[in-house]
Amino acid sequence: MKPQHIEKTGIVNGINFDGRFKVKRWPAVAVVALGYFAEYPEQEGEDFDPEPELVADESRIVVVMVGDDKRHVVDASDLIELAEDAYCPSCGQVGCGHGR
């Protein structure tokens, strides 16, 4: 199942959701930040809500690698914003100039 997220755009809590990033553990590939990781709250007893709202975890971000569609969840503190010319917009490789 794909990790769920609450989509964000612009700069939110210091993260530019319109930018591109590398992740500390994946330094060679650019990613797109989709939004905050989100889950439905656990429910029990008589307060059960048949249509609960997603609850965001602002410490984790859902990202996809440039040129891919598989979602990954990373710590927000592991994102390093990239300059527009620092990655290839086709393959997502950091340092590749092919797509420019």
PDB file of N, CA and C in Angstrom:
ATOM      1  N   MET A   1       0.841  -1.179   0.000  1.00  0.00           N
ATOM      2  CA  MET A   1       0.000   0.000   0.000  1.00  0.00           C
ATOM      3  C   MET A   1       0.889   1.246   0.000  1.00  0.00           C
ATOM      4  N   LYS A   2       0.515   2.234  -0.797  1.00  0.00           N
ATOM      5  CA  LYS A   2       1.284   3.476  -0.864  1.00  0.00           C
ATOM      6  C   LYS A   2       1.130   4.255   0.438  1.00  0.00           C
ATOM      7  N   PRO A   3       2.239   4.832   0.927  1.00  0.00           N
ATOM      8  CA  PRO A   3       2.106   5.694   2.107  1.00  0.00           C
ATOM      9  C   PRO A   3       1.192   6.876   1.766  1.00  0.00           C
ATOM     10  N   GLN A   4       0.314   7.198   2.679  1.00  0.00           N
ATOM     11  CA  GLN A   4      -0.592   8.324   2.465  1.00  0.00           C
ATOM     12  C   GLN A   4       0.088   9.607   2.901  1.00  0.00           C
ATOM     13  N   HIS A   5      -0.376  10.702   2.325  1.00  0.00           N
ATOM     14  CA  HIS A   5       0.208  11.993   2.681  1.00  0.00           C
ATOM     15  C   HIS A   5      -0.841  13.084   2.576  1.00  0.00           C
ATOM     16  N   ILE A   6      -0.541  14.182   3.234  1.00  0.00           N
ATOM     17  CA  ILE A   6      -1.349  15.390   3.090  1.00  0.00           C
ATOM     18  C   ILE A   6      -0.514  16.322   2.225  1.00  0.00           C
ATOM     19  N   GLU A   7      -0.997  16.547   1.019  1.00  0.00           N
ATOM     20  CA  GLU A   7      -0.243  17.305   0.023  1.00  0.00           C
ATOM     21  C   GLU A   7       0.022  18.732   0.497  1.00  0.00           C
ATOM     22  N   LYS A   8       1.231  19.200   0.198  1.00  0.00           N
ATOM     23  CA  LYS A   8       1.635  20.566   0.540  1.00  0.00           C
ATOM     24  C   LYS A   8       2.296  21.204  -0.665  1.00  0.00           C
ATOM     25  N   THR A   9       2.193  22.519  -0.769  1.00  0.00           N
ATOM     26  CA  THR A   9       2.901  23.293  -1.781  1.00  0.00           C
ATOM     27  C   THR A   9       3.477  24.522  -1.111  1.00  0.00           C
ATOM     28  N   GLY A  10       4.450  25.126  -1.777  1.00  0.00           N
ATOM     29  CA  GLY A  10       5.090  26.309  -1.213  1.00  0.00           C
ATOM     30  C   GLY A  10       5.984  25.931  -0.039  1.00  0.00           C
ATOM     31  N   ILE A  11       6.372  26.932   0.726  1.00  0.00           N
ATOM     32  CA  ILE A  11       7.245  26.709   1.876  1.00  0.00           C
ATOM     33  C   ILE A  11       6.393  26.556   3.129  1.00  0.00           C
ATOM     34  N   VAL A  12       6.522  25.404   3.773  1.00  0.00           N
ATOM     35  CA  VAL A  12       5.773  25.096   4.987  1.00  0.00           C
ATOM     36  C   VAL A  12       6.774  24.610   6.030  1.00  0.00           C
ATOM     37  N   ASN A  13       6.813  25.268   7.161  1.00  0.00           N
ATOM     38  CA  ASN A  13       7.744  24.899   8.242  1.00  0.00           C
ATOM     39  C   ASN A  13       9.184  24.770   7.745  1.00  0.00           C
ATOM     40  N   GLY A  14       9.580  25.665   6.849  1.00  0.00           N
ATOM     41  CA  GLY A  14      10.946  25.682   6.347  1.00  0.00           C
ATOM     42  C   GLY A  14      11.245  24.699   5.228  1.00  0.00           C
ATOM     43  N   ILE A  15      10.247  23.941   4.780  1.00  0.00           N
ATOM     44  CA  ILE A  15      10.454  22.988   3.687  1.00  0.00           C
ATOM     45  C   ILE A  15       9.782  23.535   2.429  1.00  0.00           C
ATOM     46  N   ASN A  16      10.553  23.645   1.352  1.00  0.00           N
ATOM     47  CA  ASN A  16      10.030  24.142   0.086  1.00  0.00           C
ATOM     48  C   ASN A  16       9.440  22.971  -0.697  1.00  0.00           C
ATOM     49  N   PHE A  17       8.148  22.759  -0.564  1.00  0.00           N
ATOM     50  CA  PHE A  17       7.502  21.632  -1.219  1.00  0.00           C
ATOM     51  C   PHE A  17       7.439  21.777  -2.738  1.00  0.00           C
ATOM     52  N   ASP A  18       7.876  22.925  -3.273  1.00  0.00           N
ATOM     53  CA  ASP A  18       7.956  23.100  -4.720  1.00  0.00           C
ATOM     54  C   ASP A  18       9.363  22.822  -5.240  1.00  0.00           C
ATOM     55  N   GLY A  19      10.309  22.555  -4.333  1.00  0.00           N
ATOM     56  CA  GLY A  19      11.699  22.320  -4.709  1.00  0.00           C
ATOM     57  C   GLY A  19      12.002  20.848  -4.944  1.00  0.00           C
ATOM     58  N   ARG A  20      13.269  20.585  -5.155  1.00  0.00           N
ATOM     59  CA  ARG A  20      13.776  19.219  -5.294  1.00  0.00           C
ATOM     60  C   ARG A  20      14.845  19.035  -4.223  1.00  0.00           C
ATOM     61  N   PHE A  21      15.007  17.787  -3.779  1.00  0.00           N
ATOM     62  CA  PHE A  21      15.892  17.504  -2.652  1.00  0.00           C
ATOM     63  C   PHE A  21      16.720  16.266  -2.924  1.00  0.00           C
ATOM     64  N   LYS A  22      17.798  16.115  -2.158  1.00  0.00           N
ATOM     65  CA  LYS A  22      18.426  14.816  -2.011  1.00  0.00           C
ATOM     66  C   LYS A  22      18.176  14.422  -0.567  1.00  0.00           C
ATOM     67  N   VAL A  23      18.219  13.135  -0.319  1.00  0.00           N
ATOM     68  CA  VAL A  23      17.998  12.591   1.012  1.00  0.00           C
ATOM     69  C   VAL A  23      19.355  12.123   1.527  1.00  0.00           C
ATOM     70  N   LYS A  24      19.657  12.368   2.785  1.00  0.00           N
ATOM     71  CA  LYS A  24      20.974  12.015   3.326  1.00  0.00           C
ATOM     72  C   LYS A  24      21.386  10.591   2.988  1.00  0.00           C
ATOM     73  N   ARG A  25      20.473   9.653   3.023  1.00  0.00           N
ATOM     74  CA  ARG A  25      20.845   8.255   2.751  1.00  0.00           C
ATOM     75  C   ARG A  25      20.826   7.925   1.264  1.00  0.00           C
ATOM     76  N   TRP A  26      20.319   8.829   0.409  1.00  0.00           N
ATOM     77  CA  TRP A  26      20.335   8.659  -1.049  1.00  0.00           C
ATOM     78  C   TRP A  26      20.957   9.901  -1.679  1.00  0.00           C
ATOM     79  N   PRO A  27      22.228  10.158  -1.492  1.00  0.00           N
ATOM     80  CA  PRO A  27      22.815  11.422  -1.933  1.00  0.00           C
ATOM     81  C   PRO A  27      22.944  11.579  -3.449  1.00  0.00           C
ATOM     82  N   ALA A  28      22.740  10.532  -4.214  1.00  0.00           N
ATOM     83  CA  ALA A  28      22.963  10.607  -5.652  1.00  0.00           C
ATOM     84  C   ALA A  28      21.698  10.793  -6.477  1.00  0.00           C
ATOM     85  N   VAL A  29      20.538  10.907  -5.833  1.00  0.00           N
ATOM     86  CA  VAL A  29      19.296  11.007  -6.599  1.00  0.00           C
ATOM     87  C   VAL A  29      18.408  12.112  -6.023  1.00  0.00           C
ATOM     88  N   ALA A  30      17.735  12.828  -6.923  1.00  0.00           N
ATOM     89  CA  ALA A  30      16.834  13.898  -6.514  1.00  0.00           C
ATOM     90  C   ALA A  30      15.439  13.345  -6.243  1.00  0.00           C
ATOM     91  N   VAL A  31      14.760  13.947  -5.280  1.00  0.00           N
ATOM     92  CA  VAL A  31      13.396  13.546  -4.954  1.00  0.00           C
ATOM     93  C   VAL A  31      12.488  14.769  -4.934  1.00  0.00           C
ATOM     94  N   VAL A  32      11.209  14.505  -5.085  1.00  0.00           N
ATOM     95  CA  VAL A  32      10.154  15.514  -4.985  1.00  0.00           C
ATOM     96  C   VAL A  32       9.409  15.251  -3.685  1.00  0.00           C
ATOM     97  N   ALA A  33       9.208  16.269  -2.880  1.00  0.00           N
ATOM     98  CA  ALA A  33       8.447  16.138  -1.636  1.00  0.00           C
ATOM     99  C   ALA A  33       6.968  16.331  -1.948  1.00  0.00           C
ATOM    100  N   LEU A  34       6.148  15.331  -1.645  1.00  0.00           N
ATOM    101  CA  LEU A  34       4.714  15.402  -1.929  1.00  0.00           C
ATOM    102  C   LEU A  34       3.925  16.048  -0.794  1.00  0.00           C
ATOM    103  N   GLY A  35       4.328  15.760   0.432  1.00  0.00           N
ATOM    104  CA  GLY A  35       3.604  16.291   1.582  1.00  0.00           C
ATOM    105  C   GLY A  35       3.964  15.529   2.836  1.00  0.00           C
ATOM    106  N   TYR A  36       3.268  15.855   3.910  1.00  0.00           N
ATOM    107  CA  TYR A  36       3.512  15.194   5.188  1.00  0.00           C
ATOM    108  C   TYR A  36       2.907  13.796   5.201  1.00  0.00           C
ATOM    109  N   PHE A  37       3.657  12.850   5.748  1.00  0.00           N
ATOM    110  CA  PHE A  37       3.150  11.498   5.954  1.00  0.00           C
ATOM    111  C   PHE A  37       1.893  11.599   6.825  1.00  0.00           C
ATOM    112  N   ALA A  38       0.891  10.781   6.539  1.00  0.00           N
ATOM    113  CA  ALA A  38      -0.356  10.854   7.297  1.00  0.00           C
ATOM    114  C   ALA A  38      -0.955   9.464   7.471  1.00  0.00           C
ATOM    115  N   GLU A  39      -1.626   9.294   8.586  1.00  0.00           N
ATOM    116  CA  GLU A  39      -2.309   8.040   8.902  1.00  0.00           C
ATOM    117  C   GLU A  39      -3.682   8.369   9.474  1.00  0.00           C
ATOM    118  N   TYR A  40      -4.558   7.383   9.386  1.00  0.00           N
ATOM    119  CA  TYR A  40      -5.836   7.517  10.070  1.00  0.00           C
ATOM    120  C   TYR A  40      -5.625   7.174  11.542  1.00  0.00           C
ATOM    121  N   PRO A  41      -6.264   7.893  12.440  1.00  0.00           N
ATOM    122  CA  PRO A  41      -6.076   7.605  13.864  1.00  0.00           C
ATOM    123  C   PRO A  41      -6.686   6.251  14.234  1.00  0.00           C
ATOM    124  N   GLU A  42      -6.080   5.592  15.210  1.00  0.00           N
ATOM    125  CA  GLU A  42      -6.663   4.353  15.716  1.00  0.00           C
ATOM    126  C   GLU A  42      -7.924   4.708  16.488  1.00  0.00           C
ATOM    127  N   GLN A  43      -8.945   3.905  16.301  1.00  0.00           N
ATOM    128  CA  GLN A  43     -10.219   4.195  16.952  1.00  0.00           C
ATOM    129  C   GLN A  43     -10.714   2.970  17.709  1.00  0.00           C
ATOM    130  N   GLU A  44     -11.283   3.249  18.847  1.00  0.00           N
ATOM    131  CA  GLU A  44     -11.856   2.174  19.656  1.00  0.00           C
ATOM    132  C   GLU A  44     -13.109   2.686  20.358  1.00  0.00           C
ATOM    133  N   GLY A  45     -13.949   1.764  20.735  1.00  0.00           N
ATOM    134  CA  GLY A  45     -15.088   2.088  21.581  1.00  0.00           C
ATOM    135  C   GLY A  45     -16.170   2.892  20.909  1.00  0.00           C
ATOM    136  N   GLU A  46     -16.898   3.631  21.731  1.00  0.00           N
ATOM    137  CA  GLU A  46     -18.079   4.344  21.248  1.00  0.00           C
ATOM    138  C   GLU A  46     -17.765   5.651  20.523  1.00  0.00           C
ATOM    139  N   ASP A  47     -16.503   6.106  20.541  1.00  0.00           N
ATOM    140  CA  ASP A  47     -16.127   7.321  19.819  1.00  0.00           C
ATOM    141  C   ASP A  47     -15.708   7.032  18.376  1.00  0.00           C
ATOM    142  N   PHE A  48     -16.090   5.861  17.864  1.00  0.00           N
ATOM    143  CA  PHE A  48     -15.711   5.457  16.510  1.00  0.00           C
ATOM    144  C   PHE A  48     -16.286   6.420  15.487  1.00  0.00           C
ATOM    145  N   ASP A  49     -15.427   6.939  14.609  1.00  0.00           N
ATOM    146  CA  ASP A  49     -15.830   7.849  13.539  1.00  0.00           C
ATOM    147  C   ASP A  49     -15.760   7.075  12.223  1.00  0.00           C
ATOM    148  N   PRO A  50     -16.881   6.890  11.513  1.00  0.00           N
ATOM    149  CA  PRO A  50     -16.866   6.114  10.274  1.00  0.00           C
ATOM    150  C   PRO A  50     -16.098   6.801   9.139  1.00  0.00           C
ATOM    151  N   GLU A  51     -15.854   8.104   9.252  1.00  0.00           N
ATOM    152  CA  GLU A  51     -15.118   8.852   8.237  1.00  0.00           C
ATOM    153  C   GLU A  51     -14.026   9.700   8.897  1.00  0.00           C
ATOM    154  N   PRO A  52     -13.013   9.055   9.488  1.00  0.00           N
ATOM    155  CA  PRO A  52     -11.974   9.827  10.177  1.00  0.00           C
ATOM    156  C   PRO A  52     -11.110  10.604   9.184  1.00  0.00           C
ATOM    157  N   GLU A  53     -10.502  11.681   9.649  1.00  0.00           N
ATOM    158  CA  GLU A  53      -9.588  12.473   8.830  1.00  0.00           C
ATOM    159  C   GLU A  53      -8.162  11.993   9.063  1.00  0.00           C
ATOM    160  N   LEU A  54      -7.356  12.109   8.015  1.00  0.00           N
ATOM    161  CA  LEU A  54      -5.945  11.770   8.145  1.00  0.00           C
ATOM    162  C   LEU A  54      -5.274  12.715   9.130  1.00  0.00           C
ATOM    163  N   VAL A  55      -4.308  12.198   9.888  1.00  0.00           N
ATOM    164  CA  VAL A  55      -3.542  12.989  10.837  1.00  0.00           C
ATOM    165  C   VAL A  55      -2.106  13.048  10.323  1.00  0.00           C
ATOM    166  N   ALA A  56      -1.596  14.263  10.126  1.00  0.00           N
ATOM    167  CA  ALA A  56      -0.255  14.457   9.578  1.00  0.00           C
ATOM    168  C   ALA A  56       0.814  14.279  10.643  1.00  0.00           C
ATOM    169  N   ASP A  57       1.933  13.690  10.227  1.00  0.00           N
ATOM    170  CA  ASP A  57       3.137  13.607  11.048  1.00  0.00           C
ATOM    171  C   ASP A  57       4.155  14.515  10.373  1.00  0.00           C
ATOM    172  N   GLU A  58       4.330  15.728  10.878  1.00  0.00           N
ATOM    173  CA  GLU A  58       5.169  16.728  10.229  1.00  0.00           C
ATOM    174  C   GLU A  58       6.659  16.437  10.356  1.00  0.00           C
ATOM    175  N   SER A  59       7.028  15.372  11.051  1.00  0.00           N
ATOM    176  CA  SER A  59       8.441  15.007  11.132  1.00  0.00           C
ATOM    177  C   SER A  59       8.843  14.067   9.991  1.00  0.00           C
ATOM    178  N   ARG A  60       7.842  13.578   9.242  1.00  0.00           N
ATOM    179  CA  ARG A  60       8.130  12.666   8.129  1.00  0.00           C
ATOM    180  C   ARG A  60       7.468  13.184   6.856  1.00  0.00           C
ATOM    181  N   ILE A  61       8.195  13.032   5.751  1.00  0.00           N
ATOM    182  CA  ILE A  61       7.751  13.538   4.461  1.00  0.00           C
ATOM    183  C   ILE A  61       7.652  12.372   3.484  1.00  0.00           C
ATOM    184  N   VAL A  62       6.604  12.377   2.665  1.00  0.00           N
ATOM    185  CA  VAL A  62       6.477  11.395   1.594  1.00  0.00           C
ATOM    186  C   VAL A  62       7.122  11.999   0.352  1.00  0.00           C
ATOM    187  N   VAL A  63       8.067  11.250  -0.239  1.00  0.00           N
ATOM    188  CA  VAL A  63       8.795  11.713  -1.418  1.00  0.00           C
ATOM    189  C   VAL A  63       8.716  10.667  -2.520  1.00  0.00           C
ATOM    190  N   VAL A  64       8.965  11.108  -3.756  1.00  0.00           N
ATOM    191  CA  VAL A  64       9.172  10.207  -4.891  1.00  0.00           C
ATOM    192  C   VAL A  64      10.454  10.646  -5.574  1.00  0.00           C
ATOM    193  N   MET A  65      11.196   9.680  -6.079  1.00  0.00           N
ATOM    194  CA  MET A  65      12.406  10.006  -6.826  1.00  0.00           C
ATOM    195  C   MET A  65      12.004  10.620  -8.152  1.00  0.00           C
ATOM    196  N   VAL A  66      12.779  11.603  -8.628  1.00  0.00           N
ATOM    197  CA  VAL A  66      12.509  12.225  -9.925  1.00  0.00           C
ATOM    198  C   VAL A  66      12.542  11.126 -10.986  1.00  0.00           C
ATOM    199  N   GLY A  67      11.524  11.078 -11.814  1.00  0.00           N
ATOM    200  CA  GLY A  67      11.434  10.066 -12.854  1.00  0.00           C
ATOM    201  C   GLY A  67      10.809   8.760 -12.391  1.00  0.00           C
ATOM    202  N   ASP A  68      10.287   8.709 -11.169  1.00  0.00           N
ATOM    203  CA  ASP A  68       9.708   7.488 -10.615  1.00  0.00           C
ATOM    204  C   ASP A  68       8.352   7.847 -10.001  1.00  0.00           C
ATOM    205  N   ASP A  69       7.614   6.841  -9.549  1.00  0.00           N
ATOM    206  CA  ASP A  69       6.344   7.134  -8.888  1.00  0.00           C
ATOM    207  C   ASP A  69       6.187   6.381  -7.570  1.00  0.00           C
ATOM    208  N   LYS A  70       7.209   5.599  -7.174  1.00  0.00           N
ATOM    209  CA  LYS A  70       7.124   4.872  -5.907  1.00  0.00           C
ATOM    210  C   LYS A  70       7.339   5.839  -4.751  1.00  0.00           C
ATOM    211  N   ARG A  71       6.423   5.801  -3.809  1.00  0.00           N
ATOM    212  CA  ARG A  71       6.494   6.700  -2.653  1.00  0.00           C
ATOM    213  C   ARG A  71       7.384   6.127  -1.559  1.00  0.00           C
ATOM    214  N   HIS A  72       8.144   7.017  -0.916  1.00  0.00           N
ATOM    215  CA  HIS A  72       9.012   6.660   0.200  1.00  0.00           C
ATOM    216  C   HIS A  72       8.747   7.641   1.330  1.00  0.00           C
ATOM    217  N   VAL A  73       8.912   7.200   2.566  1.00  0.00           N
ATOM    218  CA  VAL A  73       8.747   8.072   3.726  1.00  0.00           C
ATOM    219  C   VAL A  73      10.141   8.326   4.304  1.00  0.00           C
ATOM    220  N   VAL A  74      10.489   9.613   4.461  1.00  0.00           N
ATOM    221  CA  VAL A  74      11.794   9.993   4.999  1.00  0.00           C
ATOM    222  C   VAL A  74      11.604  11.000   6.123  1.00  0.00           C
ATOM    223  N   ASP A  75      12.611  11.107   6.975  1.00  0.00           N
ATOM    224  CA  ASP A  75      12.583  12.130   8.016  1.00  0.00           C
ATOM    225  C   ASP A  75      12.768  13.496   7.374  1.00  0.00           C
ATOM    226  N   ALA A  76      12.009  14.464   7.821  1.00  0.00           N
ATOM    227  CA  ALA A  76      12.113  15.819   7.284  1.00  0.00           C
ATOM    228  C   ALA A  76      13.530  16.358   7.436  1.00  0.00           C
ATOM    229  N   SER A  77      14.197  15.997   8.526  1.00  0.00           N
ATOM    230  CA  SER A  77      15.552  16.498   8.774  1.00  0.00           C
ATOM    231  C   SER A  77      16.586  15.899   7.819  1.00  0.00           C
ATOM    232  N   ASP A  78      16.223  14.866   7.066  1.00  0.00           N
ATOM    233  CA  ASP A  78      17.147  14.236   6.116  1.00  0.00           C
ATOM    234  C   ASP A  78      17.086  14.852   4.718  1.00  0.00           C
ATOM    235  N   LEU A  79      16.202  15.826   4.507  1.00  0.00           N
ATOM    236  CA  LEU A  79      16.077  16.461   3.196  1.00  0.00           C
ATOM    237  C   LEU A  79      17.078  17.606   3.056  1.00  0.00           C
ATOM    238  N   ILE A  80      17.753  17.646   1.911  1.00  0.00           N
ATOM    239  CA  ILE A  80      18.685  18.724   1.590  1.00  0.00           C
ATOM    240  C   ILE A  80      18.229  19.289   0.254  1.00  0.00           C
ATOM    241  N   GLU A  81      17.820  20.564   0.252  1.00  0.00           N
ATOM    242  CA  GLU A  81      17.297  21.156  -0.975  1.00  0.00           C
ATOM    243  C   GLU A  81      18.403  21.313  -2.011  1.00  0.00           C
ATOM    244  N   LEU A  82      18.048  21.054  -3.273  1.00  0.00           N
ATOM    245  CA  LEU A  82      18.985  21.134  -4.386  1.00  0.00           C
ATOM    246  C   LEU A  82      18.702  22.357  -5.247  1.00  0.00           C
ATOM    247  N   ALA A  83      19.753  22.910  -5.815  1.00  0.00           N
ATOM    248  CA  ALA A  83      19.592  23.961  -6.824  1.00  0.00           C
ATOM    249  C   ALA A  83      19.004  23.314  -8.071  1.00  0.00           C
ATOM    250  N   GLU A  84      18.338  24.106  -8.886  1.00  0.00           N
ATOM    251  CA  GLU A  84      17.667  23.576 -10.074  1.00  0.00           C
ATOM    252  C   GLU A  84      18.632  22.896 -11.039  1.00  0.00           C
ATOM    253  N   ASP A  85      19.860  23.357 -11.121  1.00  0.00           N
ATOM    254  CA  ASP A  85      20.826  22.771 -12.052  1.00  0.00           C
ATOM    255  C   ASP A  85      21.686  21.678 -11.416  1.00  0.00           C
ATOM    256  N   ALA A  86      21.366  21.229 -10.200  1.00  0.00           N
ATOM    257  CA  ALA A  86      22.173  20.235  -9.492  1.00  0.00           C
ATOM    258  C   ALA A  86      21.759  18.796  -9.781  1.00  0.00           C
ATOM    259  N   TYR A  87      20.678  18.601 -10.508  1.00  0.00           N
ATOM    260  CA  TYR A  87      20.188  17.251 -10.790  1.00  0.00           C
ATOM    261  C   TYR A  87      19.630  17.202 -12.202  1.00  0.00           C
ATOM    262  N   CYS A  88      19.491  16.006 -12.720  1.00  0.00           N
ATOM    263  CA  CYS A  88      18.933  15.806 -14.053  1.00  0.00           C
ATOM    264  C   CYS A  88      17.418  15.679 -13.948  1.00  0.00           C
ATOM    265  N   PRO A  89      16.663  16.534 -14.640  1.00  0.00           N
ATOM    266  CA  PRO A  89      15.202  16.443 -14.552  1.00  0.00           C
ATOM    267  C   PRO A  89      14.633  15.194 -15.239  1.00  0.00           C
ATOM    268  N   SER A  90      15.444  14.502 -16.043  1.00  0.00           N
ATOM    269  CA  SER A  90      14.979  13.282 -16.710  1.00  0.00           C
ATOM    270  C   SER A  90      15.181  12.040 -15.844  1.00  0.00           C
ATOM    271  N   CYS A  91      16.428  11.828 -15.405  1.00  0.00           N
ATOM    272  CA  CYS A  91      16.733  10.604 -14.656  1.00  0.00           C
ATOM    273  C   CYS A  91      16.776  10.814 -13.148  1.00  0.00           C
ATOM    274  N   GLY A  92      16.909  12.071 -12.708  1.00  0.00           N
ATOM    275  CA  GLY A  92      16.942  12.366 -11.282  1.00  0.00           C
ATOM    276  C   GLY A  92      18.306  12.243 -10.636  1.00  0.00           C
ATOM    277  N   GLN A  93      19.312  11.875 -11.414  1.00  0.00           N
ATOM    278  CA  GLN A  93      20.651  11.711 -10.847  1.00  0.00           C
ATOM    279  C   GLN A  93      21.250  13.067 -10.503  1.00  0.00           C
ATOM    280  N   VAL A  94      21.783  13.180  -9.302  1.00  0.00           N
ATOM    281  CA  VAL A  94      22.445  14.406  -8.888  1.00  0.00           C
ATOM    282  C   VAL A  94      23.775  14.490  -9.625  1.00  0.00           C
ATOM    283  N   GLY A  95      24.009  15.635 -10.272  1.00  0.00           N
ATOM    284  CA  GLY A  95      25.241  15.837 -11.011  1.00  0.00           C
ATOM    285  C   GLY A  95      25.166  15.475 -12.480  1.00  0.00           C
ATOM    286  N   CYS A  96      24.112  14.825 -12.916  1.00  0.00           N
ATOM    287  CA  CYS A  96      23.963  14.454 -14.329  1.00  0.00           C
ATOM    288  C   CYS A  96      23.479  15.682 -15.099  1.00  0.00           C
ATOM    289  N   GLY A  97      24.134  16.003 -16.173  1.00  0.00           N
ATOM    290  CA  GLY A  97      23.739  17.157 -16.978  1.00  0.00           C
ATOM    291  C   GLY A  97      23.001  16.781 -18.242  1.00  0.00           C
ATOM    292  N   HIS A  98      22.652  15.505 -18.409  1.00  0.00           N
ATOM    293  CA  HIS A  98      22.042  15.022 -19.639  1.00  0.00           C
ATOM    294  C   HIS A  98      20.754  15.769 -19.988  1.00  0.00           C
ATOM    295  N   GLY A  99      19.888  15.987 -19.054  1.00  0.00           N
ATOM    296  CA  GLY A  99      18.584  16.591 -19.323  1.00  0.00           C
ATOM    297  C   GLY A  99      18.601  18.107 -19.419  1.00  0.00           C
ATOM    298  N   ARG A 100      19.775  18.717 -19.396  1.00  0.00           N
ATOM    299  CA  ARG A 100      19.876  20.186 -19.448  1.00  0.00           C
ATOM    300  C   ARG A 100      20.441  20.659 -20.747  1.00  0.00           C
TER     301      ARG A 100
END
